[in-house]
Amino acid sequence: MHTQSSHVRRCHDFRWDDVPLLEYKAVDEAPFKDVTRQVLFQRDDMASELRYFEVAPGGHSTLERHAHVHAVIILRGRGRCLVGIEVTAIDTHDLITVPPMTWHQFRAADDAPLGFLCMVAHDRDRPQLPTADDLVQLRARPDVASFLDGAA
């Protein structure tokens, strides 16, 4: 039996009590497909915040880079990620470090969602989207081009 606590938020099917389910980003802000966001922990007196993102089967986050580093821990499902020029299969409990100014994107498998915790600095810069020239450079690698095209 669980008792109520002002210090504990229970999780039910990857939805935390009293935590709003938000859009990943504004629809016209950047390209992505089927992603939701929950801000699990954020305080003005702390240097970081913890969020949970869930990418629906076949969905993907935005291809972006930014000056801040962040850490991602896979809690649910599987998929693939691009970090820099490396495409890697990812699965539950994997820890992914995204260095500053490094292109990155997360893609869920076609048959499973991809849910992950993401820890970032509370005060951080805005993401940058790739230019046409950036995409040409990334696509010069066949494995990266295939990933960006959504191939398994």
C-alpha atoms as a PDB file:
ATOM      1  CA  MET A   1       0.000   0.000   0.000  1.00  0.00           C
ATOM      2  CA  HIS A   2       1.340   3.419  -1.011  1.00  0.00           C
ATOM      3  CA  THR A   3       0.863   6.417   1.206  1.00  0.00           C
ATOM      4  CA  GLN A   4       0.626   9.936  -0.141  1.00  0.00           C
ATOM      5  CA  SER A   5       3.771  12.055   0.107  1.00  0.00           C
ATOM      6  CA  SER A   6       4.555  15.566  -1.016  1.00  0.00           C
ATOM      7  CA  HIS A   7       8.063  14.311  -1.817  1.00  0.00           C
ATOM      8  CA  VAL A   8       7.162  11.354  -4.045  1.00  0.00           C
ATOM      9  CA  ARG A   9       5.521  11.346  -7.466  1.00  0.00           C
ATOM     10  CA  ARG A  10       4.362   7.900  -8.492  1.00  0.00           C
ATOM     11  CA  CYS A  11       4.815   6.650 -12.028  1.00  0.00           C
ATOM     12  CA  HIS A  12       2.140   4.682 -13.873  1.00  0.00           C
ATOM     13  CA  ASP A  13       2.999   3.486 -17.380  1.00  0.00           C
ATOM     14  CA  PHE A  14       5.675   6.189 -17.703  1.00  0.00           C
ATOM     15  CA  ARG A  15       3.331   9.011 -16.636  1.00  0.00           C
ATOM     16  CA  TRP A  16       4.210  10.680 -13.344  1.00  0.00           C
ATOM     17  CA  ASP A  17       1.527  11.953 -10.967  1.00  0.00           C
ATOM     18  CA  ASP A  18       0.964  15.722 -11.120  1.00  0.00           C
ATOM     19  CA  VAL A  19       3.396  16.146 -14.035  1.00  0.00           C
ATOM     20  CA  PRO A  20       1.819  17.602 -17.179  1.00  0.00           C
ATOM     21  CA  LEU A  21       2.278  15.741 -20.461  1.00  0.00           C
ATOM     22  CA  LEU A  22       3.638  18.378 -22.852  1.00  0.00           C
ATOM     23  CA  GLU A  23       4.389  18.668 -26.529  1.00  0.00           C
ATOM     24  CA  TYR A  24       8.059  18.039 -27.247  1.00  0.00           C
ATOM     25  CA  LYS A  25       8.355  21.434 -28.939  1.00  0.00           C
ATOM     26  CA  ALA A  26       6.114  23.835 -30.773  1.00  0.00           C
ATOM     27  CA  VAL A  27       5.082  22.142 -34.024  1.00  0.00           C
ATOM     28  CA  ASP A  28       6.521  24.920 -36.205  1.00  0.00           C
ATOM     29  CA  GLU A  29       9.742  25.253 -34.173  1.00  0.00           C
ATOM     30  CA  ALA A  30      11.677  22.264 -35.533  1.00  0.00           C
ATOM     31  CA  PRO A  31      11.034  18.964 -37.330  1.00  0.00           C
ATOM     32  CA  PHE A  32      10.234  15.955 -35.139  1.00  0.00           C
ATOM     33  CA  LYS A  33       7.716  13.126 -35.113  1.00  0.00           C
ATOM     34  CA  ASP A  34       5.525  11.810 -32.265  1.00  0.00           C
ATOM     35  CA  VAL A  35       7.426  12.985 -29.170  1.00  0.00           C
ATOM     36  CA  THR A  36       6.083  14.012 -25.749  1.00  0.00           C
ATOM     37  CA  ARG A  37       7.851  15.624 -22.790  1.00  0.00           C
ATOM     38  CA  GLN A  38       7.403  15.626 -19.013  1.00  0.00           C
ATOM     39  CA  VAL A  39       9.474  17.960 -16.824  1.00  0.00           C
ATOM     40  CA  LEU A  40      10.090  15.777 -13.774  1.00  0.00           C
ATOM     41  CA  PHE A  41      12.349  18.018 -11.731  1.00  0.00           C
ATOM     42  CA  GLN A  42      13.138  21.690 -12.130  1.00  0.00           C
ATOM     43  CA  ARG A  43      14.035  24.260  -9.493  1.00  0.00           C
ATOM     44  CA  ASP A  44      15.366  27.776  -9.854  1.00  0.00           C
ATOM     45  CA  ASP A  45      17.928  27.116  -7.106  1.00  0.00           C
ATOM     46  CA  MET A  46      19.421  24.102  -8.904  1.00  0.00           C
ATOM     47  CA  ALA A  47      21.762  24.065 -11.863  1.00  0.00           C
ATOM     48  CA  SER A  48      20.037  21.234 -13.738  1.00  0.00           C
ATOM     49  CA  GLU A  49      16.649  19.819 -14.645  1.00  0.00           C
ATOM     50  CA  LEU A  50      15.403  16.334 -15.367  1.00  0.00           C
ATOM     51  CA  ARG A  51      12.934  15.577 -18.146  1.00  0.00           C
ATOM     52  CA  TYR A  52      11.340  12.425 -19.547  1.00  0.00           C
ATOM     53  CA  PHE A  53      10.774  12.206 -23.292  1.00  0.00           C
ATOM     54  CA  GLU A  54       8.833   9.508 -25.062  1.00  0.00           C
ATOM     55  CA  VAL A  55       9.125   8.895 -28.787  1.00  0.00           C
ATOM     56  CA  ALA A  56       6.282   6.824 -30.241  1.00  0.00           C
ATOM     57  CA  PRO A  57       7.136   3.810 -32.438  1.00  0.00           C
ATOM     58  CA  GLY A  58       8.657   5.081 -35.684  1.00  0.00           C
ATOM     59  CA  GLY A  59       9.035   8.616 -34.302  1.00  0.00           C
ATOM     60  CA  HIS A  60      12.114  10.780 -33.829  1.00  0.00           C
ATOM     61  CA  SER A  61      13.436  13.797 -31.982  1.00  0.00           C
ATOM     62  CA  THR A  62      14.794  16.878 -33.726  1.00  0.00           C
ATOM     63  CA  LEU A  63      18.219  16.740 -35.358  1.00  0.00           C
ATOM     64  CA  GLU A  64      20.001  19.519 -33.467  1.00  0.00           C
ATOM     65  CA  ARG A  65      23.087  20.702 -31.640  1.00  0.00           C
ATOM     66  CA  HIS A  66      23.722  23.190 -28.835  1.00  0.00           C
ATOM     67  CA  ALA A  67      26.514  24.463 -26.601  1.00  0.00           C
ATOM     68  CA  HIS A  68      25.350  22.579 -23.511  1.00  0.00           C
ATOM     69  CA  VAL A  69      26.135  18.952 -22.746  1.00  0.00           C
ATOM     70  CA  HIS A  70      23.397  16.568 -21.746  1.00  0.00           C
ATOM     71  CA  ALA A  71      22.997  13.019 -20.542  1.00  0.00           C
ATOM     72  CA  VAL A  72      20.284  10.608 -21.681  1.00  0.00           C
ATOM     73  CA  ILE A  73      19.309   7.341 -19.982  1.00  0.00           C
ATOM     74  CA  ILE A  74      16.989   4.980 -21.847  1.00  0.00           C
ATOM     75  CA  LEU A  75      14.162   3.795 -19.573  1.00  0.00           C
ATOM     76  CA  ARG A  76      11.827   2.183 -22.065  1.00  0.00           C
ATOM     77  CA  GLY A  77      12.023   0.536 -25.456  1.00  0.00           C
ATOM     78  CA  ARG A  78      14.773   0.669 -27.989  1.00  0.00           C
ATOM     79  CA  GLY A  79      15.865   2.523 -31.079  1.00  0.00           C
ATOM     80  CA  ARG A  80      18.903   4.223 -32.513  1.00  0.00           C
ATOM     81  CA  CYS A  81      20.705   7.479 -31.929  1.00  0.00           C
ATOM     82  CA  LEU A  82      22.995   9.712 -33.885  1.00  0.00           C
ATOM     83  CA  VAL A  83      25.657  11.477 -31.828  1.00  0.00           C
ATOM     84  CA  GLY A  84      28.172  13.326 -33.979  1.00  0.00           C
ATOM     85  CA  ILE A  85      28.751  10.972 -36.897  1.00  0.00           C
ATOM     86  CA  GLU A  86      28.095   7.758 -34.945  1.00  0.00           C
ATOM     87  CA  VAL A  87      24.838   5.852 -35.398  1.00  0.00           C
ATOM     88  CA  THR A  88      24.294   3.427 -32.518  1.00  0.00           C
ATOM     89  CA  ALA A  89      21.561   0.988 -31.503  1.00  0.00           C
ATOM     90  CA  ILE A  90      20.222   1.901 -28.051  1.00  0.00           C
ATOM     91  CA  ASP A  91      18.252  -0.121 -25.515  1.00  0.00           C
ATOM     92  CA  THR A  92      16.918   0.046 -21.983  1.00  0.00           C
ATOM     93  CA  HIS A  93      19.371   1.401 -19.387  1.00  0.00           C
ATOM     94  CA  ASP A  94      21.915   2.648 -21.941  1.00  0.00           C
ATOM     95  CA  LEU A  95      23.538   5.982 -21.017  1.00  0.00           C
ATOM     96  CA  ILE A  96      24.232   8.390 -23.866  1.00  0.00           C
ATOM     97  CA  THR A  97      26.390  11.488 -23.415  1.00  0.00           C
ATOM     98  CA  VAL A  98      25.873  14.272 -25.937  1.00  0.00           C
ATOM     99  CA  PRO A  99      28.928  16.584 -25.992  1.00  0.00           C
ATOM    100  CA  PRO A 100      28.597  20.321 -26.688  1.00  0.00           C
ATOM    101  CA  MET A 101      27.931  21.395 -30.301  1.00  0.00           C
ATOM    102  CA  THR A 102      27.393  17.809 -31.438  1.00  0.00           C
ATOM    103  CA  TRP A 103      24.623  16.858 -33.851  1.00  0.00           C
ATOM    104  CA  HIS A 104      22.244  14.373 -32.268  1.00  0.00           C
ATOM    105  CA  GLN A 105      18.888  12.727 -32.823  1.00  0.00           C
ATOM    106  CA  PHE A 106      16.962   9.850 -31.240  1.00  0.00           C
ATOM    107  CA  ARG A 107      14.740   7.468 -33.236  1.00  0.00           C
ATOM    108  CA  ALA A 108      12.373   4.861 -31.806  1.00  0.00           C
ATOM    109  CA  ALA A 109      12.149   1.394 -33.313  1.00  0.00           C
ATOM    110  CA  ASP A 110       9.131   0.882 -35.580  1.00  0.00           C
ATOM    111  CA  ASP A 111       7.555  -1.559 -33.120  1.00  0.00           C
ATOM    112  CA  ALA A 112       8.369  -0.007 -29.736  1.00  0.00           C
ATOM    113  CA  PRO A 113       8.359   3.390 -28.054  1.00  0.00           C
ATOM    114  CA  LEU A 114      11.613   4.949 -26.879  1.00  0.00           C
ATOM    115  CA  GLY A 115      11.391   6.581 -23.457  1.00  0.00           C
ATOM    116  CA  PHE A 116      14.341   8.357 -21.897  1.00  0.00           C
ATOM    117  CA  LEU A 117      15.407  10.625 -19.082  1.00  0.00           C
ATOM    118  CA  CYS A 118      17.365  13.681 -20.139  1.00  0.00           C
ATOM    119  CA  MET A 119      19.384  15.789 -17.731  1.00  0.00           C
ATOM    120  CA  VAL A 120      20.416  19.259 -18.872  1.00  0.00           C
ATOM    121  CA  ALA A 121      21.574  22.547 -17.400  1.00  0.00           C
ATOM    122  CA  HIS A 122      18.712  24.707 -16.161  1.00  0.00           C
ATOM    123  CA  ASP A 123      20.177  27.765 -17.909  1.00  0.00           C
ATOM    124  CA  ARG A 124      21.094  26.675 -21.410  1.00  0.00           C
ATOM    125  CA  ASP A 125      21.324  27.912 -24.975  1.00  0.00           C
ATOM    126  CA  ARG A 126      18.711  27.269 -27.654  1.00  0.00           C
ATOM    127  CA  PRO A 127      19.231  24.351 -30.065  1.00  0.00           C
ATOM    128  CA  GLN A 128      20.569  24.979 -33.543  1.00  0.00           C
ATOM    129  CA  LEU A 129      19.099  23.232 -36.571  1.00  0.00           C
ATOM    130  CA  PRO A 130      21.338  22.013 -39.398  1.00  0.00           C
ATOM    131  CA  THR A 131      21.857  24.185 -42.447  1.00  0.00           C
ATOM    132  CA  ALA A 132      21.735  22.725 -45.948  1.00  0.00           C
ATOM    133  CA  ASP A 133      25.560  22.557 -45.884  1.00  0.00           C
ATOM    134  CA  ASP A 134      25.522  20.758 -42.516  1.00  0.00           C
ATOM    135  CA  LEU A 135      23.132  18.156 -43.931  1.00  0.00           C
ATOM    136  CA  VAL A 136      25.359  17.620 -46.978  1.00  0.00           C
ATOM    137  CA  GLN A 137      28.317  16.970 -44.663  1.00  0.00           C
ATOM    138  CA  LEU A 138      26.325  14.599 -42.430  1.00  0.00           C
ATOM    139  CA  ARG A 139      24.854  12.735 -45.404  1.00  0.00           C
ATOM    140  CA  ALA A 140      28.340  12.162 -46.853  1.00  0.00           C
ATOM    141  CA  ARG A 141      28.473   9.156 -44.540  1.00  0.00           C
ATOM    142  CA  PRO A 142      26.139   6.424 -45.865  1.00  0.00           C
ATOM    143  CA  ASP A 143      25.216   5.157 -42.381  1.00  0.00           C
ATOM    144  CA  VAL A 144      24.247   8.664 -41.241  1.00  0.00           C
ATOM    145  CA  ALA A 145      22.268   9.308 -44.441  1.00  0.00           C
ATOM    146  CA  SER A 146      20.398   6.037 -43.942  1.00  0.00           C
ATOM    147  CA  PHE A 147      19.643   6.942 -40.312  1.00  0.00           C
ATOM    148  CA  LEU A 148      18.381  10.411 -41.254  1.00  0.00           C
ATOM    149  CA  ASP A 149      16.147   8.840 -43.907  1.00  0.00           C
ATOM    150  CA  GLY A 150      14.628   6.602 -41.229  1.00  0.00           C
ATOM    151  CA  ALA A 151      16.002   3.313 -42.567  1.00  0.00           C
ATOM    152  CA  ALA A 152      16.325   0.549 -39.980  1.00  0.00           C
END
